[in-house]
C-alpha atoms as a PDB file:
ATOM      1  CA  MET A   1      81.702 -31.454 -76.916  1.00  0.00           C
ATOM      2  CA  LYS A   2      82.473 -31.092 -80.587  1.00  0.00           C
ATOM      3  CA  LYS A   3      85.938 -32.204 -81.543  1.00  0.00           C
ATOM      4  CA  LYS A   4      86.245 -29.427 -84.103  1.00  0.00           C
ATOM      5  CA  LEU A   5      85.767 -25.934 -82.714  1.00  0.00           C
ATOM      6  CA  ALA A   6      86.323 -22.665 -84.567  1.00  0.00           C
ATOM      7  CA  LEU A   7      88.826 -22.436 -87.366  1.00  0.00           C
ATOM      8  CA  GLY A   8      88.258 -26.100 -88.409  1.00  0.00           C
ATOM      9  CA  ILE A   9      91.895 -26.944 -87.811  1.00  0.00           C
ATOM     10  CA  GLY A  10      93.285 -30.463 -88.234  1.00  0.00           C
ATOM     11  CA  LEU A  11      95.501 -32.353 -85.834  1.00  0.00           C
ATOM     12  CA  ALA A  12      99.257 -32.327 -86.283  1.00  0.00           C
ATOM     13  CA  GLY A  13     100.318 -34.700 -83.514  1.00  0.00           C
ATOM     14  CA  ALA A  14     101.215 -34.702 -79.855  1.00  0.00           C
ATOM     15  CA  GLY A  15     104.902 -34.115 -80.483  1.00  0.00           C
ATOM     16  CA  LEU A  16     104.332 -30.738 -82.084  1.00  0.00           C
ATOM     17  CA  LEU A  17     102.114 -29.535 -79.236  1.00  0.00           C
ATOM     18  CA  ALA A  18     104.648 -30.717 -76.681  1.00  0.00           C
ATOM     19  CA  LEU A  19     107.361 -28.861 -78.577  1.00  0.00           C
ATOM     20  CA  SER A  20     105.323 -25.651 -78.620  1.00  0.00           C
ATOM     21  CA  LEU A  21     104.629 -25.954 -74.904  1.00  0.00           C
ATOM     22  CA  THR A  22     108.328 -26.387 -74.231  1.00  0.00           C
ATOM     23  CA  VAL A  23     109.700 -23.834 -76.660  1.00  0.00           C
ATOM     24  CA  PHE A  24     107.095 -21.129 -76.353  1.00  0.00           C
ATOM     25  CA  GLY A  25     106.212 -21.384 -72.654  1.00  0.00           C
ATOM     26  CA  MET A  26     102.477 -21.978 -72.424  1.00  0.00           C
ATOM     27  CA  GLY A  27     102.302 -21.490 -68.665  1.00  0.00           C
ATOM     28  CA  ALA A  28     100.884 -17.987 -68.729  1.00  0.00           C
ATOM     29  CA  ALA A  29      99.622 -17.487 -72.245  1.00  0.00           C
ATOM     30  CA  ALA A  30      96.013 -16.868 -71.408  1.00  0.00           C
ATOM     31  CA  THR A  31      93.574 -14.359 -70.017  1.00  0.00           C
ATOM     32  CA  LEU A  32      90.663 -15.205 -67.773  1.00  0.00           C
ATOM     33  CA  ASN A  33      87.762 -12.928 -66.981  1.00  0.00           C
ATOM     34  CA  PRO A  34      84.656 -13.826 -64.993  1.00  0.00           C
ATOM     35  CA  ALA A  35      81.882 -12.919 -67.422  1.00  0.00           C
ATOM     36  CA  ALA A  36      78.331 -13.499 -68.531  1.00  0.00           C
ATOM     37  CA  PRO A  37      77.827 -16.708 -70.551  1.00  0.00           C
ATOM     38  CA  ASP A  38      76.857 -14.743 -73.676  1.00  0.00           C
ATOM     39  CA  SER A  39      80.041 -12.649 -73.816  1.00  0.00           C
ATOM     40  CA  PRO A  40      82.847 -13.333 -76.350  1.00  0.00           C
ATOM     41  CA  SER A  41      85.298 -15.919 -75.089  1.00  0.00           C
ATOM     42  CA  VAL A  42      88.078 -16.291 -77.636  1.00  0.00           C
ATOM     43  CA  ARG A  43      90.601 -13.562 -78.490  1.00  0.00           C
ATOM     44  CA  ALA A  44      94.208 -12.666 -78.368  1.00  0.00           C
ATOM     45  CA  ALA A  45      95.667 -11.534 -75.056  1.00  0.00           C
ATOM     46  CA  GLU A  46      98.814 -12.119 -73.081  1.00  0.00           C
ATOM     47  CA  ALA A  47      98.673 -13.735 -69.660  1.00  0.00           C
ATOM     48  CA  ALA A  48      96.163 -11.739 -67.626  1.00  0.00           C
ATOM     49  CA  VAL A  49      92.927 -12.132 -65.708  1.00  0.00           C
ATOM     50  CA  VAL A  50      90.535  -9.219 -65.832  1.00  0.00           C
ATOM     51  CA  PRO A  51      87.886  -8.932 -63.115  1.00  0.00           C
ATOM     52  CA  ALA A  52      84.316  -8.645 -64.453  1.00  0.00           C
ATOM     53  CA  GLU A  53      84.104  -5.012 -63.379  1.00  0.00           C
ATOM     54  CA  ALA A  54      87.200  -4.044 -65.389  1.00  0.00           C
ATOM     55  CA  VAL A  55      86.948  -1.796 -68.421  1.00  0.00           C
ATOM     56  CA  THR A  56      87.382  -3.693 -71.694  1.00  0.00           C
ATOM     57  CA  PRO A  57      89.228  -1.801 -74.435  1.00  0.00           C
ATOM     58  CA  THR A  58      87.650  -1.200 -77.822  1.00  0.00           C
ATOM     59  CA  PRO A  59      89.010  -3.377 -80.671  1.00  0.00           C
ATOM     60  CA  THR A  60      91.538  -1.587 -82.880  1.00  0.00           C
ATOM     61  CA  GLY A  61      91.545  -3.773 -85.990  1.00  0.00           C
ATOM     62  CA  THR A  62      94.991  -5.391 -85.695  1.00  0.00           C
ATOM     63  CA  LEU A  63      96.476  -8.049 -83.468  1.00  0.00           C
ATOM     64  CA  GLY A  64      98.042  -6.492 -80.426  1.00  0.00           C
ATOM     65  CA  THR A  65      97.480  -5.675 -76.809  1.00  0.00           C
ATOM     66  CA  SER A  66      96.281  -2.712 -74.819  1.00  0.00           C
ATOM     67  CA  VAL A  67      96.230  -2.132 -71.095  1.00  0.00           C
ATOM     68  CA  THR A  68      92.876  -1.841 -69.333  1.00  0.00           C
ATOM     69  CA  SER A  69      92.562   1.235 -67.171  1.00  0.00           C
ATOM     70  CA  GLU A  70      91.201  -0.338 -63.984  1.00  0.00           C
ATOM     71  CA  ALA A  71      92.719  -3.812 -63.867  1.00  0.00           C
ATOM     72  CA  GLY A  72      96.174  -3.160 -65.266  1.00  0.00           C
ATOM     73  CA  ALA A  73      95.711  -6.313 -67.317  1.00  0.00           C
ATOM     74  CA  ILE A  74      96.305  -6.887 -70.978  1.00  0.00           C
ATOM     75  CA  GLU A  75      93.207  -7.424 -73.117  1.00  0.00           C
ATOM     76  CA  ALA A  76      92.607  -8.435 -76.677  1.00  0.00           C
ATOM     77  CA  ALA A  77      92.767  -5.832 -79.408  1.00  0.00           C
ATOM     78  CA  ASP A  78      90.595  -7.491 -82.053  1.00  0.00           C
ATOM     79  CA  ASN A  79      89.381 -10.680 -83.675  1.00  0.00           C
ATOM     80  CA  SER A  80      91.880 -11.020 -86.548  1.00  0.00           C
ATOM     81  CA  ASP A  81      92.604 -14.468 -87.962  1.00  0.00           C
ATOM     82  CA  PRO A  82      95.999 -15.429 -86.492  1.00  0.00           C
ATOM     83  CA  MET A  83      96.767 -17.638 -89.493  1.00  0.00           C
ATOM     84  CA  ALA A  84      96.469 -14.633 -91.818  1.00  0.00           C
ATOM     85  CA  SER A  85      99.416 -12.802 -90.260  1.00  0.00           C
ATOM     86  CA  GLU A  86     102.721 -12.395 -92.059  1.00  0.00           C
ATOM     87  CA  ALA A  87     104.519 -14.033 -89.119  1.00  0.00           C
ATOM     88  CA  PHE A  88     102.396 -17.173 -89.528  1.00  0.00           C
ATOM     89  CA  LYS A  89     102.839 -17.240 -93.299  1.00  0.00           C
ATOM     90  CA  ALA A  90     106.634 -17.013 -92.846  1.00  0.00           C
ATOM     91  CA  MET A  91     106.714 -20.194 -90.741  1.00  0.00           C
ATOM     92  CA  THR A  92     107.654 -23.593 -92.168  1.00  0.00           C
ATOM     93  CA  PRO A  93     104.824 -26.046 -92.960  1.00  0.00           C
ATOM     94  CA  ASP A  94     105.604 -28.002 -89.763  1.00  0.00           C
ATOM     95  CA  GLU A  95     105.540 -24.801 -87.692  1.00  0.00           C
ATOM     96  CA  GLN A  96     102.230 -23.814 -89.295  1.00  0.00           C
ATOM     97  CA  ALA A  97     100.733 -27.232 -88.475  1.00  0.00           C
ATOM     98  CA  ASN A  98     101.912 -26.786 -84.891  1.00  0.00           C
ATOM     99  CA  GLY A  99     100.405 -23.289 -84.824  1.00  0.00           C
ATOM    100  CA  ARG A 100      97.038 -24.518 -86.099  1.00  0.00           C
ATOM    101  CA  GLU A 101      96.931 -27.244 -83.451  1.00  0.00           C
ATOM    102  CA  TRP A 102      97.956 -24.757 -80.769  1.00  0.00           C
ATOM    103  CA  VAL A 103      95.153 -22.363 -81.777  1.00  0.00           C
ATOM    104  CA  GLU A 104      92.592 -25.177 -81.799  1.00  0.00           C
ATOM    105  CA  THR A 105      93.706 -26.311 -78.327  1.00  0.00           C
ATOM    106  CA  GLN A 106      93.407 -22.732 -77.064  1.00  0.00           C
ATOM    107  CA  THR A 107      89.963 -22.397 -78.685  1.00  0.00           C
ATOM    108  CA  ILE A 108      88.709 -25.552 -76.951  1.00  0.00           C
ATOM    109  CA  THR A 109      90.147 -24.261 -73.668  1.00  0.00           C
ATOM    110  CA  ALA A 110      88.352 -20.929 -74.175  1.00  0.00           C
ATOM    111  CA  ALA A 111      84.991 -22.638 -74.791  1.00  0.00           C
ATOM    112  CA  CYS A 112      85.424 -24.734 -71.640  1.00  0.00           C
ATOM    113  CA  MET A 113      86.395 -21.685 -69.579  1.00  0.00           C
ATOM    114  CA  LYS A 114      83.356 -19.815 -70.905  1.00  0.00           C
ATOM    115  CA  ASP A 115      81.189 -22.693 -69.640  1.00  0.00           C
ATOM    116  CA  LYS A 116      82.802 -22.179 -66.218  1.00  0.00           C
ATOM    117  CA  GLY A 117      82.087 -18.423 -66.222  1.00  0.00           C
ATOM    118  CA  PHE A 118      85.466 -17.074 -67.352  1.00  0.00           C
ATOM    119  CA  VAL A 119      86.571 -15.395 -70.555  1.00  0.00           C
ATOM    120  CA  TYR A 120      89.813 -17.044 -71.652  1.00  0.00           C
ATOM    121  CA  THR A 121      91.699 -15.328 -74.434  1.00  0.00           C
ATOM    122  CA  PHE A 122      95.062 -15.953 -76.011  1.00  0.00           C
ATOM    123  CA  GLU A 123      97.675 -14.416 -78.239  1.00  0.00           C
ATOM    124  CA  PRO A 124      99.359 -16.696 -80.775  1.00  0.00           C
ATOM    125  CA  PHE A 125     102.971 -17.319 -79.833  1.00  0.00           C
ATOM    126  CA  TRP A 126     104.132 -16.100 -83.241  1.00  0.00           C
ATOM    127  CA  GLU A 127     102.534 -12.688 -82.570  1.00  0.00           C
ATOM    128  CA  ARG A 128     104.143 -12.071 -79.177  1.00  0.00           C
ATOM    129  CA  ASP A 129     106.790  -9.414 -78.730  1.00  0.00           C
ATOM    130  CA  SER A 130     109.760 -11.235 -77.201  1.00  0.00           C
ATOM    131  CA  ALA A 131     111.019  -7.940 -75.751  1.00  0.00           C
ATOM    132  CA  VAL A 132     107.894  -7.548 -73.585  1.00  0.00           C
ATOM    133  CA  LEU A 133     107.601  -9.723 -70.506  1.00  0.00           C
ATOM    134  CA  PRO A 134     104.128 -11.225 -70.085  1.00  0.00           C
ATOM    135  CA  VAL A 135     101.945 -10.213 -67.158  1.00  0.00           C
ATOM    136  CA  MET A 136     101.372 -13.210 -64.906  1.00  0.00           C
ATOM    137  CA  TRP A 137      97.600 -13.471 -64.985  1.00  0.00           C
ATOM    138  CA  GLU A 138      97.365 -14.611 -61.358  1.00  0.00           C
ATOM    139  CA  ASP A 139      98.865 -11.267 -60.322  1.00  0.00           C
ATOM    140  CA  THR A 140      96.080  -9.292 -62.027  1.00  0.00           C
ATOM    141  CA  LEU A 141      93.214 -11.102 -60.322  1.00  0.00           C
ATOM    142  CA  PRO A 142      91.990 -10.242 -56.828  1.00  0.00           C
ATOM    143  CA  THR A 143      93.345 -12.764 -54.343  1.00  0.00           C
ATOM    144  CA  SER A 144      89.817 -14.027 -53.638  1.00  0.00           C
ATOM    145  CA  GLU A 145      89.323 -15.024 -57.320  1.00  0.00           C
ATOM    146  CA  ARG A 146      92.716 -16.566 -58.106  1.00  0.00           C
ATOM    147  CA  ALA A 147      92.056 -20.043 -56.774  1.00  0.00           C
ATOM    148  CA  ALA A 148      88.770 -20.448 -58.673  1.00  0.00           C
ATOM    149  CA  ALA A 149      90.289 -19.240 -61.948  1.00  0.00           C
ATOM    150  CA  ARG A 150      93.344 -21.478 -61.583  1.00  0.00           C
ATOM    151  CA  LEU A 151      91.192 -24.485 -60.642  1.00  0.00           C
ATOM    152  CA  ALA A 152      88.933 -23.940 -63.666  1.00  0.00           C
ATOM    153  CA  LEU A 153      91.936 -23.755 -65.990  1.00  0.00           C
ATOM    154  CA  ASP A 154      94.269 -26.391 -64.529  1.00  0.00           C
ATOM    155  CA  GLY A 155      92.031 -28.535 -62.338  1.00  0.00           C
ATOM    156  CA  ASP A 156      93.348 -30.546 -59.429  1.00  0.00           C
ATOM    157  CA  THR A 157      95.283 -33.550 -60.694  1.00  0.00           C
ATOM    158  CA  GLY A 158      98.660 -35.094 -60.143  1.00  0.00           C
ATOM    159  CA  GLY A 159     101.487 -35.555 -62.592  1.00  0.00           C
ATOM    160  CA  GLY A 160     102.890 -38.660 -64.237  1.00  0.00           C
ATOM    161  CA  ALA A 161     100.911 -41.795 -63.405  1.00  0.00           C
ATOM    162  CA  ASP A 162      98.633 -39.723 -61.146  1.00  0.00           C
ATOM    163  CA  TYR A 163      97.531 -37.449 -64.023  1.00  0.00           C
ATOM    164  CA  HIS A 164      93.918 -37.770 -65.154  1.00  0.00           C
ATOM    165  CA  TRP A 165      92.690 -35.415 -67.889  1.00  0.00           C
ATOM    166  CA  ASP A 166      89.185 -35.255 -66.432  1.00  0.00           C
ATOM    167  CA  ASP A 167      90.647 -33.767 -63.231  1.00  0.00           C
ATOM    168  CA  ALA A 168      92.952 -31.383 -65.110  1.00  0.00           C
ATOM    169  CA  GLY A 169      90.508 -28.520 -65.703  1.00  0.00           C
ATOM    170  CA  CYS A 170      89.855 -26.903 -69.052  1.00  0.00           C
ATOM    171  CA  TRP A 171      93.457 -27.232 -70.166  1.00  0.00           C
ATOM    172  CA  GLY A 172      93.413 -30.986 -69.502  1.00  0.00           C
ATOM    173  CA  TYR A 173      90.091 -31.273 -71.304  1.00  0.00           C
ATOM    174  CA  ALA A 174      91.434 -29.446 -74.373  1.00  0.00           C
ATOM    175  CA  VAL A 175      94.595 -31.554 -74.494  1.00  0.00           C
ATOM    176  CA  HIS A 176      92.461 -34.702 -74.235  1.00  0.00           C
ATOM    177  CA  VAL A 177      89.994 -33.623 -76.938  1.00  0.00           C
ATOM    178  CA  MET A 178      92.932 -32.906 -79.242  1.00  0.00           C
ATOM    179  CA  GLY A 179      94.234 -36.433 -78.594  1.00  0.00           C
ATOM    180  CA  ASN A 180      97.465 -35.228 -77.017  1.00  0.00           C
ATOM    181  CA  ASP A 181      97.351 -37.184 -73.786  1.00  0.00           C
ATOM    182  CA  ASN A 182      98.045 -40.843 -73.091  1.00  0.00           C
ATOM    183  CA  ASN A 183      94.353 -41.767 -73.229  1.00  0.00           C
ATOM    184  CA  HIS A 184      94.206 -42.033 -77.033  1.00  0.00           C
END
């Protein structure tokens, strides 16, 4: 798969990604949605899985979130460039480099998830409202779909010496492609 996807963002180093994962809590920063292969796969959303039969909100023109009527999940509001926001511009150069790498990692993850039949979307950490608790995406998916979505995203690998990126789902693939695992 191409090393550069969307946005043409450069690498900033494994330390910055690790810091963002620690500081900004990446655990539930994505949305999955079983979908047709030709549907859009990358957009801002906060920690939700929307079943294929759920209603998708109409884009509003600004970064944000809206609640879908049937699934109770949060969906993307639009396709704005996250690096054009005032919050991003206010960050230090190191924080911006970290943000670019984070977006590229999420974009690679989204492309992989699309290949597996899910729409994976994300909201940049600098755009999140810290006063609003994220919806845990597993809780929005029917029980029968949770295992498949989680396996596609995280794979089935161990930690430490037992970790293998090629068994770590789309997230492991994205981290590997970005050069942020121990295999580079």
